[in-house]
Each structure stands twice: as structure tokens, then as C-alpha cells.
């Protein structure tokens, strides 16, 4: 089995890719143990993506992320106008 190297992808793309790989490889009996291990790991990832089941304070984290992104974009904009 080869390990593939993917460029940076966002979480939605990672989720779609993971679901597709599990769906394609599930009927292959040769890969049953590996597919089961991936499914268990994927379930943990999927639970973390759902706000209602999150253990962290997503609202605070979302706000922090938004502030950081806004600051970054405004800084880039200011640098373009006043180098």
C-alpha cells in the first residue's frame, strides 16, 4: 500500500475525500481491518466537526478566528495602499 501526499485541503474536502475512500474500499475483504480502523478514526473527526457534540467552546474559537482573519486582511489592505 502506498501513502499518498495531498496538498493542503480544507476540512470539507478532507471529509468528502474520506467518505469516498471508505465507500470505495468497504467492499474489499482484503482491506477490511484497515477500513474499519479508518472508519473509527473518521467518526471521531466527524463528531468534532459538529458544533453540538464539540467539547471545546466553538463560539469563542470562531470569534477568535474571525478577528485574526479580519486583522490579517486589513493589514494586507493597508500595506497595499501605504507600502
PDB file of N, CA and C in Angstrom:
ATOM      1  N   UNK A   1       0.845  -1.171   0.000  1.00  0.00           N
ATOM      2  CA  UNK A   1       0.000   0.000   0.000  1.00  0.00           C
ATOM      3  C   UNK A   1       0.893   1.238   0.000  1.00  0.00           C
ATOM      4  N   UNK A   2       0.537   2.216  -0.809  1.00  0.00           N
ATOM      5  CA  UNK A   2       1.301   3.451  -0.894  1.00  0.00           C
ATOM      6  C   UNK A   2       0.617   4.557  -0.105  1.00  0.00           C
ATOM      7  N   UNK A   3       1.417   5.425   0.472  1.00  0.00           N
ATOM      8  CA  UNK A   3       0.886   6.600   1.135  1.00  0.00           C
ATOM      9  C   UNK A   3       0.878   7.715   0.105  1.00  0.00           C
ATOM     10  N   UNK A   4      -0.275   8.371  -0.013  1.00  0.00           N
ATOM     11  CA  UNK A   4      -0.353   9.468  -0.965  1.00  0.00           C
ATOM     12  C   UNK A   4      -0.188  10.787  -0.211  1.00  0.00           C
ATOM     13  N   UNK A   5       0.404  11.745  -0.866  1.00  0.00           N
ATOM     14  CA  UNK A   5       0.636  13.050  -0.279  1.00  0.00           C
ATOM     15  C   UNK A   5      -0.299  14.046  -0.961  1.00  0.00           C
ATOM     16  N   UNK A   6      -1.167  14.665  -0.172  1.00  0.00           N
ATOM     17  CA  UNK A   6      -2.116  15.630  -0.721  1.00  0.00           C
ATOM     18  C   UNK A   6      -1.673  17.033  -0.360  1.00  0.00           C
ATOM     19  N   UNK A   7      -1.898  17.982  -1.247  1.00  0.00           N
ATOM     20  CA  UNK A   7      -1.622  19.370  -0.873  1.00  0.00           C
ATOM     21  C   UNK A   7      -2.605  19.781   0.223  1.00  0.00           C
ATOM     22  N   UNK A   8      -2.413  20.941   0.792  1.00  0.00           N
ATOM     23  CA  UNK A   8      -3.325  21.384   1.840  1.00  0.00           C
ATOM     24  C   UNK A   8      -4.733  21.479   1.282  1.00  0.00           C
ATOM     25  N   UNK A   9      -5.651  20.824   1.979  1.00  0.00           N
ATOM     26  CA  UNK A   9      -7.056  20.881   1.586  1.00  0.00           C
ATOM     27  C   UNK A   9      -7.855  21.323   2.799  1.00  0.00           C
ATOM     28  N   UNK A  10      -9.027  21.891   2.562  1.00  0.00           N
ATOM     29  CA  UNK A  10      -9.829  22.330   3.702  1.00  0.00           C
ATOM     30  C   UNK A  10     -10.577  21.136   4.302  1.00  0.00           C
ATOM     31  N   UNK A  11     -11.197  21.350   5.447  1.00  0.00           N
ATOM     32  CA  UNK A  11     -11.829  20.248   6.167  1.00  0.00           C
ATOM     33  C   UNK A  11     -13.000  19.630   5.408  1.00  0.00           C
ATOM     34  N   UNK A  12     -13.749  20.441   4.680  1.00  0.00           N
ATOM     35  CA  UNK A  12     -14.869  19.899   3.904  1.00  0.00           C
ATOM     36  C   UNK A  12     -14.363  18.960   2.810  1.00  0.00           C
ATOM     37  N   UNK A  13     -13.261  19.350   2.163  1.00  0.00           N
ATOM     38  CA  UNK A  13     -12.678  18.495   1.135  1.00  0.00           C
ATOM     39  C   UNK A  13     -12.124  17.213   1.753  1.00  0.00           C
ATOM     40  N   UNK A  14     -11.498  17.332   2.914  1.00  0.00           N
ATOM     41  CA  UNK A  14     -10.972  16.153   3.608  1.00  0.00           C
ATOM     42  C   UNK A  14     -12.102  15.208   3.982  1.00  0.00           C
ATOM     43  N   UNK A  15     -13.212  15.761   4.453  1.00  0.00           N
ATOM     44  CA  UNK A  15     -14.356  14.932   4.819  1.00  0.00           C
ATOM     45  C   UNK A  15     -14.912  14.209   3.594  1.00  0.00           C
ATOM     46  N   UNK A  16     -15.070  14.911   2.487  1.00  0.00           N
ATOM     47  CA  UNK A  16     -15.582  14.300   1.261  1.00  0.00           C
ATOM     48  C   UNK A  16     -14.643  13.211   0.756  1.00  0.00           C
ATOM     49  N   UNK A  17     -13.348  13.498   0.777  1.00  0.00           N
ATOM     50  CA  UNK A  17     -12.358  12.521   0.345  1.00  0.00           C
ATOM     51  C   UNK A  17     -12.409  11.271   1.222  1.00  0.00           C
ATOM     52  N   UNK A  18     -12.469  11.463   2.525  1.00  0.00           N
ATOM     53  CA  UNK A  18     -12.504  10.327   3.459  1.00  0.00           C
ATOM     54  C   UNK A  18     -13.745   9.483   3.259  1.00  0.00           C
ATOM     55  N   UNK A  19     -14.887  10.134   3.126  1.00  0.00           N
ATOM     56  CA  UNK A  19     -16.135   9.391   2.907  1.00  0.00           C
ATOM     57  C   UNK A  19     -16.071   8.587   1.609  1.00  0.00           C
ATOM     58  N   UNK A  20     -15.519   9.187   0.565  1.00  0.00           N
ATOM     59  CA  UNK A  20     -15.420   8.499  -0.727  1.00  0.00           C
ATOM     60  C   UNK A  20     -14.483   7.296  -0.654  1.00  0.00           C
ATOM     61  N   UNK A  21     -13.346   7.477   0.005  1.00  0.00           N
ATOM     62  CA  UNK A  21     -12.383   6.372   0.130  1.00  0.00           C
ATOM     63  C   UNK A  21     -12.997   5.221   0.924  1.00  0.00           C
ATOM     64  N   UNK A  22     -13.673   5.539   2.010  1.00  0.00           N
ATOM     65  CA  UNK A  22     -14.316   4.482   2.813  1.00  0.00           C
ATOM     66  C   UNK A  22     -15.364   3.756   1.983  1.00  0.00           C
ATOM     67  N   UNK A  23     -16.169   4.508   1.234  1.00  0.00           N
ATOM     68  CA  UNK A  23     -17.228   3.904   0.409  1.00  0.00           C
ATOM     69  C   UNK A  23     -16.641   2.987  -0.663  1.00  0.00           C
ATOM     70  N   UNK A  24     -15.551   3.412  -1.294  1.00  0.00           N
ATOM     71  CA  UNK A  24     -14.933   2.628  -2.370  1.00  0.00           C
ATOM     72  C   UNK A  24     -14.267   1.362  -1.833  1.00  0.00           C
ATOM     73  N   UNK A  25     -13.593   1.477  -0.693  1.00  0.00           N
ATOM     74  CA  UNK A  25     -12.805   0.349  -0.190  1.00  0.00           C
ATOM     75  C   UNK A  25     -13.584  -0.597   0.732  1.00  0.00           C
ATOM     76  N   UNK A  26     -14.764  -0.210   1.167  1.00  0.00           N
ATOM     77  CA  UNK A  26     -15.541  -1.049   2.091  1.00  0.00           C
ATOM     78  C   UNK A  26     -15.832  -2.459   1.554  1.00  0.00           C
ATOM     79  N   UNK A  27     -16.184  -2.634   0.272  1.00  0.00           N
ATOM     80  CA  UNK A  27     -16.496  -3.980  -0.220  1.00  0.00           C
ATOM     81  C   UNK A  27     -15.275  -4.901  -0.386  1.00  0.00           C
ATOM     82  N   UNK A  28     -14.066  -4.389  -0.232  1.00  0.00           N
ATOM     83  CA  UNK A  28     -12.859  -5.202  -0.434  1.00  0.00           C
ATOM     84  C   UNK A  28     -12.484  -5.945   0.844  1.00  0.00           C
ATOM     85  N   UNK A  29     -12.636  -7.262   0.854  1.00  0.00           N
ATOM     86  CA  UNK A  29     -12.344  -8.016   2.082  1.00  0.00           C
ATOM     87  C   UNK A  29     -10.869  -7.954   2.493  1.00  0.00           C
ATOM     88  N   UNK A  30      -9.985  -7.742   1.525  1.00  0.00           N
ATOM     89  CA  UNK A  30      -8.557  -7.678   1.839  1.00  0.00           C
ATOM     90  C   UNK A  30      -8.217  -6.463   2.699  1.00  0.00           C
ATOM     91  N   UNK A  31      -9.034  -5.434   2.595  1.00  0.00           N
ATOM     92  CA  UNK A  31      -8.762  -4.201   3.316  1.00  0.00           C
ATOM     93  C   UNK A  31      -9.679  -3.989   4.521  1.00  0.00           C
ATOM     94  N   UNK A  32     -10.442  -5.001   4.885  1.00  0.00           N
ATOM     95  CA  UNK A  32     -11.437  -4.852   5.950  1.00  0.00           C
ATOM     96  C   UNK A  32     -10.861  -4.304   7.265  1.00  0.00           C
ATOM     97  N   UNK A  33      -9.727  -4.831   7.783  1.00  0.00           N
ATOM     98  CA  UNK A  33      -9.209  -4.278   9.048  1.00  0.00           C
ATOM     99  C   UNK A  33      -8.786  -2.812   8.930  1.00  0.00           C
ATOM    100  N   UNK A  34      -8.152  -2.464   7.821  1.00  0.00           N
ATOM    101  CA  UNK A  34      -7.703  -1.087   7.619  1.00  0.00           C
ATOM    102  C   UNK A  34      -8.892  -0.138   7.463  1.00  0.00           C
ATOM    103  N   UNK A  35      -9.898  -0.572   6.718  1.00  0.00           N
ATOM    104  CA  UNK A  35     -11.089   0.254   6.514  1.00  0.00           C
ATOM    105  C   UNK A  35     -11.796   0.479   7.851  1.00  0.00           C
ATOM    106  N   UNK A  36     -11.871  -0.564   8.674  1.00  0.00           N
ATOM    107  CA  UNK A  36     -12.504  -0.436   9.995  1.00  0.00           C
ATOM    108  C   UNK A  36     -11.758   0.576  10.857  1.00  0.00           C
ATOM    109  N   UNK A  37     -10.428   0.526  10.841  1.00  0.00           N
ATOM    110  CA  UNK A  37      -9.620   1.470  11.620  1.00  0.00           C
ATOM    111  C   UNK A  37      -9.833   2.905  11.134  1.00  0.00           C
ATOM    112  N   UNK A  38      -9.894   3.076   9.823  1.00  0.00           N
ATOM    113  CA  UNK A  38     -10.111   4.408   9.261  1.00  0.00           C
ATOM    114  C   UNK A  38     -11.508   4.907   9.616  1.00  0.00           C
ATOM    115  N   UNK A  39     -12.489   4.028   9.571  1.00  0.00           N
ATOM    116  CA  UNK A  39     -13.862   4.420   9.910  1.00  0.00           C
ATOM    117  C   UNK A  39     -13.956   4.912  11.352  1.00  0.00           C
ATOM    118  N   UNK A  40     -13.297   4.228  12.273  1.00  0.00           N
ATOM    119  CA  UNK A  40     -13.331   4.630  13.680  1.00  0.00           C
ATOM    120  C   UNK A  40     -12.670   5.997  13.870  1.00  0.00           C
ATOM    121  N   UNK A  41     -11.544   6.205  13.209  1.00  0.00           N
ATOM    122  CA  UNK A  41     -10.862   7.499  13.288  1.00  0.00           C
ATOM    123  C   UNK A  41     -11.713   8.581  12.647  1.00  0.00           C
ATOM    124  N   UNK A  42     -12.347   8.263  11.536  1.00  0.00           N
ATOM    125  CA  UNK A  42     -13.178   9.232  10.826  1.00  0.00           C
ATOM    126  C   UNK A  42     -14.391   9.632  11.659  1.00  0.00           C
ATOM    127  N   UNK A  43     -14.955   8.696  12.414  1.00  0.00           N
ATOM    128  CA  UNK A  43     -16.106   9.015  13.270  1.00  0.00           C
ATOM    129  C   UNK A  43     -15.724  10.060  14.304  1.00  0.00           C
ATOM    130  N   UNK A  44     -14.521   9.946  14.861  1.00  0.00           N
ATOM    131  CA  UNK A  44     -14.032  10.938  15.820  1.00  0.00           C
ATOM    132  C   UNK A  44     -13.898  12.299  15.151  1.00  0.00           C
ATOM    133  N   UNK A  45     -13.329  12.312  13.949  1.00  0.00           N
ATOM    134  CA  UNK A  45     -13.187  13.554  13.184  1.00  0.00           C
ATOM    135  C   UNK A  45     -14.560  14.162  12.903  1.00  0.00           C
ATOM    136  N   UNK A  46     -15.493  13.323  12.491  1.00  0.00           N
ATOM    137  CA  UNK A  46     -16.835  13.790  12.131  1.00  0.00           C
ATOM    138  C   UNK A  46     -17.551  14.399  13.341  1.00  0.00           C
ATOM    139  N   UNK A  47     -17.394  13.784  14.510  1.00  0.00           N
ATOM    140  CA  UNK A  47     -18.013  14.318  15.726  1.00  0.00           C
ATOM    141  C   UNK A  47     -17.445  15.689  16.066  1.00  0.00           C
ATOM    142  N   UNK A  48     -16.166  15.894  15.820  1.00  0.00           N
ATOM    143  CA  UNK A  48     -15.542  17.181  16.086  1.00  0.00           C
ATOM    144  C   UNK A  48     -16.011  18.276  15.151  1.00  0.00           C
ATOM    145  N   UNK A  49     -16.518  17.880  13.991  1.00  0.00           N
ATOM    146  CA  UNK A  49     -16.991  18.852  13.008  1.00  0.00           C
ATOM    147  C   UNK A  49     -18.396  19.366  13.341  1.00  0.00           C
ATOM    148  N   UNK A  50     -19.106  18.650  14.204  1.00  0.00           N
ATOM    149  CA  UNK A  50     -20.479  19.019  14.542  1.00  0.00           C
ATOM    150  C   UNK A  50     -20.449  19.876  15.810  1.00  0.00           C
ATOM    151  N   UNK A  51     -21.009  21.083  15.748  1.00  0.00           N
ATOM    152  CA  UNK A  51     -20.956  22.004  16.874  1.00  0.00           C
ATOM    153  C   UNK A  51     -21.623  21.435  18.127  1.00  0.00           C
ATOM    154  N   UNK A  52     -22.729  20.749  17.969  1.00  0.00           N
ATOM    155  CA  UNK A  52     -23.475  20.279  19.138  1.00  0.00           C
ATOM    156  C   UNK A  52     -22.700  19.230  19.943  1.00  0.00           C
ATOM    157  N   UNK A  53     -21.791  18.506  19.295  1.00  0.00           N
ATOM    158  CA  UNK A  53     -21.052  17.473  20.015  1.00  0.00           C
ATOM    159  C   UNK A  53     -19.628  17.902  20.358  1.00  0.00           C
ATOM    160  N   UNK A  54     -19.304  19.143  20.112  1.00  0.00           N
ATOM    161  CA  UNK A  54     -17.958  19.628  20.371  1.00  0.00           C
ATOM    162  C   UNK A  54     -17.719  19.796  21.864  1.00  0.00           C
ATOM    163  N   UNK A  55     -16.497  19.486  22.298  1.00  0.00           N
ATOM    164  CA  UNK A  55     -16.150  19.654  23.701  1.00  0.00           C
ATOM    165  C   UNK A  55     -15.531  21.018  23.952  1.00  0.00           C
ATOM    166  N   UNK A  56     -15.041  21.666  22.909  1.00  0.00           N
ATOM    167  CA  UNK A  56     -14.447  22.994  23.068  1.00  0.00           C
ATOM    168  C   UNK A  56     -15.519  24.061  22.882  1.00  0.00           C
ATOM    169  N   UNK A  57     -15.180  25.268  23.234  1.00  0.00           N
ATOM    170  CA  UNK A  57     -16.105  26.385  23.077  1.00  0.00           C
ATOM    171  C   UNK A  57     -15.982  26.936  21.657  1.00  0.00           C
ATOM    172  N   UNK A  58     -16.751  26.367  20.746  1.00  0.00           N
ATOM    173  CA  UNK A  58     -16.641  26.719  19.325  1.00  0.00           C
ATOM    174  C   UNK A  58     -16.975  28.187  19.077  1.00  0.00           C
ATOM    175  N   UNK A  59     -17.912  28.729  19.814  1.00  0.00           N
ATOM    176  CA  UNK A  59     -18.308  30.111  19.589  1.00  0.00           C
ATOM    177  C   UNK A  59     -17.121  31.049  19.836  1.00  0.00           C
ATOM    178  N   UNK A  60     -16.402  30.832  20.922  1.00  0.00           N
ATOM    179  CA  UNK A  60     -15.231  31.654  21.231  1.00  0.00           C
ATOM    180  C   UNK A  60     -14.131  31.438  20.206  1.00  0.00           C
ATOM    181  N   UNK A  61     -13.914  30.185  19.823  1.00  0.00           N
ATOM    182  CA  UNK A  61     -12.888  29.898  18.832  1.00  0.00           C
ATOM    183  C   UNK A  61     -13.225  30.506  17.469  1.00  0.00           C
ATOM    184  N   UNK A  62     -14.488  30.437  17.082  1.00  0.00           N
ATOM    185  CA  UNK A  62     -14.918  31.044  15.818  1.00  0.00           C
ATOM    186  C   UNK A  62     -14.699  32.552  15.848  1.00  0.00           C
ATOM    187  N   UNK A  63     -15.031  33.176  16.963  1.00  0.00           N
ATOM    188  CA  UNK A  63     -14.856  34.628  17.099  1.00  0.00           C
ATOM    189  C   UNK A  63     -13.373  34.999  17.016  1.00  0.00           C
ATOM    190  N   UNK A  64     -12.533  34.237  17.704  1.00  0.00           N
ATOM    191  CA  UNK A  64     -11.084  34.498  17.661  1.00  0.00           C
ATOM    192  C   UNK A  64     -10.548  34.359  16.240  1.00  0.00           C
ATOM    193  N   UNK A  65     -10.967  33.308  15.549  1.00  0.00           N
ATOM    194  CA  UNK A  65     -10.533  33.091  14.172  1.00  0.00           C
ATOM    195  C   UNK A  65     -10.970  34.251  13.284  1.00  0.00           C
ATOM    196  N   UNK A  66     -12.213  34.689  13.450  1.00  0.00           N
ATOM    197  CA  UNK A  66     -12.727  35.784  12.633  1.00  0.00           C
ATOM    198  C   UNK A  66     -11.952  37.075  12.887  1.00  0.00           C
ATOM    199  N   UNK A  67     -11.634  37.359  14.149  1.00  0.00           N
ATOM    200  CA  UNK A  67     -10.859  38.557  14.472  1.00  0.00           C
ATOM    201  C   UNK A  67      -9.464  38.511  13.867  1.00  0.00           C
ATOM    202  N   UNK A  68      -8.832  37.353  13.954  1.00  0.00           N
ATOM    203  CA  UNK A  68      -7.484  37.198  13.394  1.00  0.00           C
ATOM    204  C   UNK A  68      -7.511  37.350  11.877  1.00  0.00           C
ATOM    205  N   UNK A  69      -8.480  36.720  11.223  1.00  0.00           N
ATOM    206  CA  UNK A  69      -8.595  36.835   9.760  1.00  0.00           C
ATOM    207  C   UNK A  69      -8.869  38.270   9.336  1.00  0.00           C
ATOM    208  N   UNK A  70      -9.778  38.945  10.045  1.00  0.00           N
ATOM    209  CA  UNK A  70     -10.104  40.329   9.712  1.00  0.00           C
ATOM    210  C   UNK A  70      -8.866  41.213   9.862  1.00  0.00           C
ATOM    211  N   UNK A  71      -8.140  41.041  10.962  1.00  0.00           N
ATOM    212  CA  UNK A  71      -6.920  41.809  11.180  1.00  0.00           C
ATOM    213  C   UNK A  71      -5.896  41.570  10.097  1.00  0.00           C
ATOM    214  N   UNK A  72      -5.749  40.324   9.685  1.00  0.00           N
ATOM    215  CA  UNK A  72      -4.794  39.993   8.637  1.00  0.00           C
ATOM    216  C   UNK A  72      -5.154  40.675   7.320  1.00  0.00           C
ATOM    217  N   UNK A  73      -6.419  40.560   6.921  1.00  0.00           N
ATOM    218  CA  UNK A  73      -6.836  41.141   5.652  1.00  0.00           C
ATOM    219  C   UNK A  73      -6.740  42.660   5.669  1.00  0.00           C
ATOM    220  N   UNK A  74      -7.086  43.278   6.788  1.00  0.00           N
ATOM    221  CA  UNK A  74      -6.983  44.735   6.888  1.00  0.00           C
ATOM    222  C   UNK A  74      -5.526  45.170   6.859  1.00  0.00           C
ATOM    223  N   UNK A  75      -4.649  44.379   7.455  1.00  0.00           N
ATOM    224  CA  UNK A  75      -3.219  44.681   7.429  1.00  0.00           C
ATOM    225  C   UNK A  75      -2.675  44.602   6.005  1.00  0.00           C
ATOM    226  N   UNK A  76      -3.073  43.569   5.281  1.00  0.00           N
ATOM    227  CA  UNK A  76      -2.637  43.432   3.878  1.00  0.00           C
ATOM    228  C   UNK A  76      -3.179  44.577   3.050  1.00  0.00           C
ATOM    229  N   UNK A  77      -4.435  44.934   3.257  1.00  0.00           N
ATOM    230  CA  UNK A  77      -5.038  46.046   2.520  1.00  0.00           C
ATOM    231  C   UNK A  77      -4.294  47.355   2.814  1.00  0.00           C
ATOM    232  N   UNK A  78      -3.989  47.616   4.082  1.00  0.00           N
ATOM    233  CA  UNK A  78      -3.273  48.828   4.451  1.00  0.00           C
ATOM    234  C   UNK A  78      -1.881  48.844   3.829  1.00  0.00           C
ATOM    235  N   UNK A  79      -1.227  47.702   3.805  1.00  0.00           N
ATOM    236  CA  UNK A  79       0.118  47.610   3.232  1.00  0.00           C
ATOM    237  C   UNK A  79       0.104  47.866   1.728  1.00  0.00           C
ATOM    238  N   UNK A  80      -0.958  47.431   1.064  1.00  0.00           N
ATOM    239  CA  UNK A  80      -1.073  47.689  -0.366  1.00  0.00           C
ATOM    240  C   UNK A  80      -1.278  49.173  -0.653  1.00  0.00           C
ATOM    241  N   UNK A  81      -2.036  49.852   0.202  1.00  0.00           N
ATOM    242  CA  UNK A  81      -2.320  51.272  -0.031  1.00  0.00           C
ATOM    243  C   UNK A  81      -1.176  52.177   0.419  1.00  0.00           C
ATOM    244  N   UNK A  82      -0.503  51.785   1.502  1.00  0.00           N
ATOM    245  CA  UNK A  82       0.576  52.606   2.062  1.00  0.00           C
ATOM    246  C   UNK A  82       1.796  51.733   2.314  1.00  0.00           C
ATOM    247  N   UNK A  83       2.544  51.399   1.260  1.00  0.00           N
ATOM    248  CA  UNK A  83       3.690  50.493   1.446  1.00  0.00           C
ATOM    249  C   UNK A  83       4.806  51.113   2.287  1.00  0.00           C
TER     250      UNK A  83
END
